[in-house]
Structure formats: C-alpha cells, structure tokens
Protein backbone atom coordinates (compact mmCIF):
# COMPACT_ATOMS: atom_id res chain seq x y z
CA MET A 1 -7.71 -14.64 28.35
CA ARG A 2 -6.88 -17.52 25.99
CA SER A 3 -6.82 -15.06 23.09
CA LYS A 4 -4.23 -13.01 24.98
CA LEU A 5 -2.27 -16.19 25.69
CA ASN A 6 -2.15 -16.97 21.98
CA LYS A 7 -0.70 -13.53 21.20
CA ALA A 8 2.06 -13.66 23.81
CA LEU A 9 5.65 -14.00 22.61
CA LEU A 10 7.52 -13.34 25.88
CA TYR A 11 6.38 -15.18 29.00
CA GLY A 12 7.55 -13.26 32.06
CA ILE A 13 8.17 -15.02 35.35
CA VAL A 14 8.33 -13.14 38.62
CA ASP A 15 10.63 -15.65 40.28
CA MET A 16 11.17 -15.14 43.99
CA GLY A 17 14.62 -16.66 43.63
CA TYR A 18 15.61 -13.47 41.77
CA THR A 19 13.14 -10.91 43.07
CA LYS A 20 12.78 -9.59 46.59
CA ALA A 21 9.25 -9.69 47.99
CA GLU A 22 9.19 -5.91 48.33
CA ASN A 23 10.01 -5.56 44.61
CA VAL A 24 7.33 -7.90 43.26
CA GLU A 25 5.01 -5.17 42.02
CA GLU A 26 7.82 -3.13 40.50
CA THR A 27 9.21 -6.19 38.71
CA THR A 28 5.79 -7.17 37.41
CA ARG A 29 5.17 -3.71 36.00
CA ALA A 30 8.60 -3.61 34.37
CA LEU A 31 8.10 -6.95 32.63
CA ILE A 32 4.70 -5.86 31.34
CA GLU A 33 6.01 -2.48 30.19
CA GLY A 34 8.69 -4.35 28.27
CA GLY A 35 6.09 -6.41 26.43
CA ALA A 36 5.67 -9.62 28.41
CA GLY A 37 2.33 -11.07 27.34
CA ILE A 38 1.92 -13.36 30.33
CA ILE A 39 3.11 -13.12 33.92
CA GLN A 40 3.71 -16.09 36.19
CA LEU A 41 4.44 -15.97 39.91
CA ARG A 42 6.98 -18.63 40.83
CA ALA A 43 7.86 -18.89 44.51
CA LYS A 44 9.60 -22.22 45.03
CA GLY A 45 10.04 -22.98 48.72
CA SER A 46 7.68 -20.28 49.93
CA GLU A 47 4.80 -21.06 52.26
CA LEU A 48 1.32 -21.03 50.78
CA PRO A 49 0.14 -17.95 52.72
CA GLU A 50 3.10 -16.00 51.34
CA ILE A 51 2.44 -17.22 47.79
CA GLU A 52 -1.17 -16.13 48.14
CA ARG A 53 -0.10 -12.72 49.47
CA LEU A 54 2.29 -12.18 46.57
CA ALA A 55 -0.29 -13.39 44.06
CA ARG A 56 -2.77 -10.83 45.34
CA LEU A 57 -0.17 -8.12 44.67
CA VAL A 58 0.61 -9.26 41.13
CA LEU A 59 -2.92 -10.08 39.99
CA PRO A 60 -4.37 -6.54 39.84
CA ILE A 61 -1.34 -5.31 37.88
CA CYS A 62 -1.92 -8.01 35.27
CA GLN A 63 -5.65 -7.29 35.24
CA ALA A 64 -5.01 -3.60 34.61
CA ALA A 65 -2.74 -4.53 31.69
CA GLY A 66 -5.20 -7.07 30.34
CA ILE A 67 -2.79 -10.00 30.32
CA PRO A 68 -3.04 -13.46 31.91
CA PHE A 69 -1.70 -14.02 35.41
CA ILE A 70 -0.49 -17.55 36.11
CA VAL A 71 0.34 -19.17 39.46
CA ASN A 72 3.06 -21.80 39.39
CA ASP A 73 2.43 -25.22 40.97
CA PHE A 74 -0.63 -24.57 43.16
CA PRO A 75 -4.10 -24.94 41.57
CA GLU A 76 -5.87 -24.30 44.86
CA THR A 77 -4.06 -20.99 45.33
CA ALA A 78 -4.68 -20.02 41.72
CA LYS A 79 -8.40 -20.56 42.21
CA LYS A 80 -8.49 -18.86 45.59
CA VAL A 81 -6.95 -15.61 44.35
CA GLY A 82 -8.83 -15.59 41.04
CA ALA A 83 -5.79 -16.08 38.81
CA ASP A 84 -6.23 -16.63 35.09
CA GLY A 85 -4.23 -19.82 35.08
CA VAL A 86 -1.94 -22.32 36.74
CA HIS A 87 1.24 -23.98 35.50
CA ILE A 88 2.16 -27.52 36.52
CA GLY A 89 5.14 -29.80 36.04
CA GLN A 90 5.34 -33.37 34.86
CA ASP A 91 4.97 -34.68 38.42
CA ASP A 92 2.10 -32.41 39.47
CA GLY A 93 -0.80 -34.57 38.40
CA THR A 94 -3.02 -34.83 35.35
CA LEU A 95 -4.99 -32.14 33.59
CA GLU A 96 -8.17 -33.85 34.76
CA GLN A 97 -7.06 -33.58 38.38
CA VAL A 98 -6.23 -29.90 37.99
CA ARG A 99 -9.48 -29.15 36.18
CA ALA A 100 -11.38 -30.74 39.08
CA ILE A 101 -9.92 -27.94 41.23
CA VAL A 102 -9.87 -24.93 38.92
CA GLY A 103 -12.72 -25.64 36.50
CA GLU A 104 -12.82 -25.51 32.73
CA GLU A 105 -12.22 -21.80 32.16
CA MET A 106 -8.81 -21.43 33.76
CA ILE A 107 -5.68 -21.62 31.59
CA VAL A 108 -3.56 -24.65 32.45
CA GLY A 109 0.02 -25.01 31.22
CA ARG A 110 2.42 -27.94 31.43
CA SER A 111 6.21 -28.18 31.62
CA THR A 112 7.61 -30.60 29.03
CA HIS A 113 11.17 -31.83 28.61
CA ALA A 114 10.97 -33.97 25.48
CA GLN A 115 9.05 -34.12 22.23
CA ASP A 116 6.87 -37.02 23.37
CA GLN A 117 5.88 -35.11 26.52
CA ALA A 118 4.98 -32.10 24.37
CA GLU A 119 2.84 -34.29 22.13
CA ASP A 120 1.13 -35.85 25.15
CA ALA A 121 0.37 -32.41 26.59
CA LEU A 122 -1.31 -31.39 23.33
CA LEU A 123 -3.38 -34.57 23.23
CA ASP A 124 -4.33 -34.20 26.90
CA GLY A 125 -5.72 -30.72 26.23
CA PHE A 126 -3.31 -28.36 27.97
CA ASP A 127 -3.61 -24.73 26.87
CA TYR A 128 0.12 -24.20 26.37
CA ILE A 129 3.46 -25.82 27.15
CA GLY A 130 6.86 -24.82 28.33
CA PHE A 131 9.55 -26.75 26.43
CA GLY A 132 12.97 -27.13 27.98
CA PRO A 133 15.24 -26.44 29.68
CA LEU A 134 17.08 -25.93 26.41
CA PHE A 135 20.30 -25.17 28.31
CA PRO A 136 21.39 -25.77 31.91
CA THR A 137 19.94 -23.05 34.11
CA PRO A 138 20.21 -22.08 37.79
CA THR A 139 16.41 -21.98 38.02
CA LYS A 140 16.38 -25.77 37.46
CA LYS A 141 19.42 -26.96 39.37
CA GLY A 142 20.48 -30.50 38.57
CA ARG A 143 18.43 -30.73 35.39
CA PRO A 144 20.57 -31.00 32.24
CA GLY A 145 19.68 -29.00 29.16
CA ILE A 146 17.74 -30.93 26.53
CA GLY A 147 19.32 -29.04 23.65
CA VAL A 148 17.65 -27.36 20.70
CA GLU A 149 17.46 -30.31 18.31
CA ASN A 150 13.70 -30.81 18.68
CA VAL A 151 12.62 -27.16 18.89
CA ARG A 152 11.74 -26.86 15.20
CA ALA A 153 9.73 -30.10 15.19
CA VAL A 154 7.83 -29.21 18.35
CA GLN A 155 7.13 -25.69 17.11
CA GLY A 156 6.04 -26.99 13.71
CA THR A 157 3.59 -29.54 15.12
CA ILE A 158 2.47 -28.61 18.62
CA GLY A 159 3.21 -24.90 18.17
CA THR A 160 0.68 -24.60 15.37
CA ARG A 161 -2.03 -25.81 17.76
CA ILE A 162 -1.13 -24.34 21.16
CA PRO A 163 1.56 -21.89 22.27
CA VAL A 164 5.00 -23.43 22.85
CA PHE A 165 7.28 -21.36 25.09
CA CYS A 166 10.92 -22.42 24.99
CA ILE A 167 12.57 -22.08 28.37
CA GLY A 168 15.79 -22.73 30.21
CA GLY A 169 19.05 -20.84 29.95
CA ILE A 170 17.78 -18.49 27.26
CA ARG A 171 19.37 -15.06 27.42
CA ARG A 172 19.48 -11.96 25.29
CA ASP A 173 22.92 -12.95 24.06
CA ASN A 174 21.80 -16.37 22.78
CA LEU A 175 18.23 -15.52 21.79
CA ALA A 176 19.09 -15.11 18.10
CA ASP A 177 20.52 -18.64 18.07
CA VAL A 178 17.41 -20.00 19.79
CA ILE A 179 15.15 -18.26 17.28
CA ALA A 180 17.26 -19.74 14.48
CA THR A 181 16.38 -23.24 15.75
CA GLY A 182 12.67 -22.50 15.24
CA ALA A 183 11.57 -21.01 18.57
CA ARG A 184 8.92 -18.30 18.32
CA ARG A 185 7.98 -17.81 21.98
CA VAL A 186 10.30 -17.84 24.98
CA VAL A 187 10.55 -17.65 28.73
CA ILE A 188 13.55 -15.73 30.06
CA VAL A 189 14.01 -15.47 33.81
CA SER A 190 17.43 -14.67 35.30
CA ASP A 191 18.70 -12.55 32.40
CA LEU A 192 15.67 -10.26 32.63
CA LEU A 193 15.23 -10.15 36.39
CA GLY A 194 18.93 -9.46 36.81
CA ALA A 195 18.98 -6.69 34.22
CA GLU A 196 19.66 -3.12 35.27
CA ASP A 197 16.58 -2.04 33.31
CA ILE A 198 14.09 -4.93 33.24
CA SER A 199 11.65 -3.14 30.96
CA ALA A 200 14.28 -2.27 28.36
CA ALA A 201 15.70 -5.79 28.49
CA ALA A 202 12.27 -7.33 27.97
CA LYS A 203 11.54 -4.95 25.10
CA SER A 204 14.73 -5.99 23.32
CA VAL A 205 13.59 -9.62 23.55
CA VAL A 206 10.10 -8.88 22.25
CA ASP A 207 11.55 -6.87 19.36
CA GLN A 208 13.63 -9.87 18.27
CA LEU A 209 10.69 -12.25 18.55
CA GLU A 210 8.41 -9.97 16.57
CA LYS A 211 10.92 -9.79 13.73
CA ALA A 212 11.05 -13.59 13.64
CA GLU A 213 7.29 -14.08 13.28
C-alpha cells in the first residue's frame, strides 16, 4: 500500500464530527469516487468499540478500491481491524512505540506543525506527514494556523522523500492559493464533507492538484 500512498494527492478524512454514523459508508464511497487516494477514519470522542465498528465498515470499501485505509489515533484498533495504517499526533508517542504495536508493514503517519517537526518525522522514519493547520479550522479548535510560509521549503525537502499532505482550513476556494505556495498534496475535511455532492467536490480538488504536478 505504500506505493498507493505515494500516488495520493487528496487525503480524504471521514470525520465523525461532520458525518453521521449511518452515512459513513456513503461518505467513504463518495470521497473515493471523487479521487481521494487515502481514507482516514477520525472519530474524536468516540468510544473504542464504536471506532472499531465504524472502521470495519470503511475498511472493505477501501480494500475494494485498492487504496490505503488509515485509523486516526489508535494503533491497537488499527491492528485489530486490519487497517493499512495509523495516524498519530505529536503527543501520541514515538514511531518505535507504535511499531511495537502494529509491526513494520503498517503505514504510520505523523501530524506536524512546524518545519523542524516535519524534519524530525522524516528522520524518525514516518511514512508520511500532515503539515498544518495552515489556517484556523474548526476541526482543530484552539490551534492557530501556522501559515503557508514554510510550505515550499517542507515540500522541497521532506516532500521529495515522503508524502507531505498540507492540512487545516484548506477549501476549494483557497486551494489555488495553497498550491501557489508549493503544496502538492492536501487534506480537506469540512469543505468536502459539507458539500452537496462530495464526489464532485473531491474531483474538483484532484483536478487542480493534478494540473499542479
């Protein structure tokens, strides 16, 4: 799945803050139909049994599409359901600690909020990073945007080695500006999950990213 990870331009997140549990499968399919190359399940505040239940709904859809399925925050759950990867934040332990749970084959991503954190993640051996939030975003309440000043540098150094997905407050109406700063891969959450046609919205994002390659 690492080869599929390296090809992905749009990272889709099925965020339970924006998606009803009964719509998880429909949302997942729509993101994939629109061109998302990775799907992550993010269920902040949910109990582990519910996260596992939702993961078992999303996983087969990703498997059928041949794209990586990532569980946010919980390595044990990712391993239990047979996910392709897990994504962890800065305060969620080291790569070594996660690998002790999930093994060497699973994709492991790291959230980074500054250039030095991005560089550390590369040196540590993470498979990809999220870089942001570029702008203030309701998915990360209380966290200020880091701006776009370092996007080009991070993309030019780390992004030539592992995928760098810019995240945080990115929308279809500011995507062109984000691309102009050097971003080549993005995560978009609320603007896609809140769209009337998720698949069409995702496709419009992928089309812009493909033209920028």
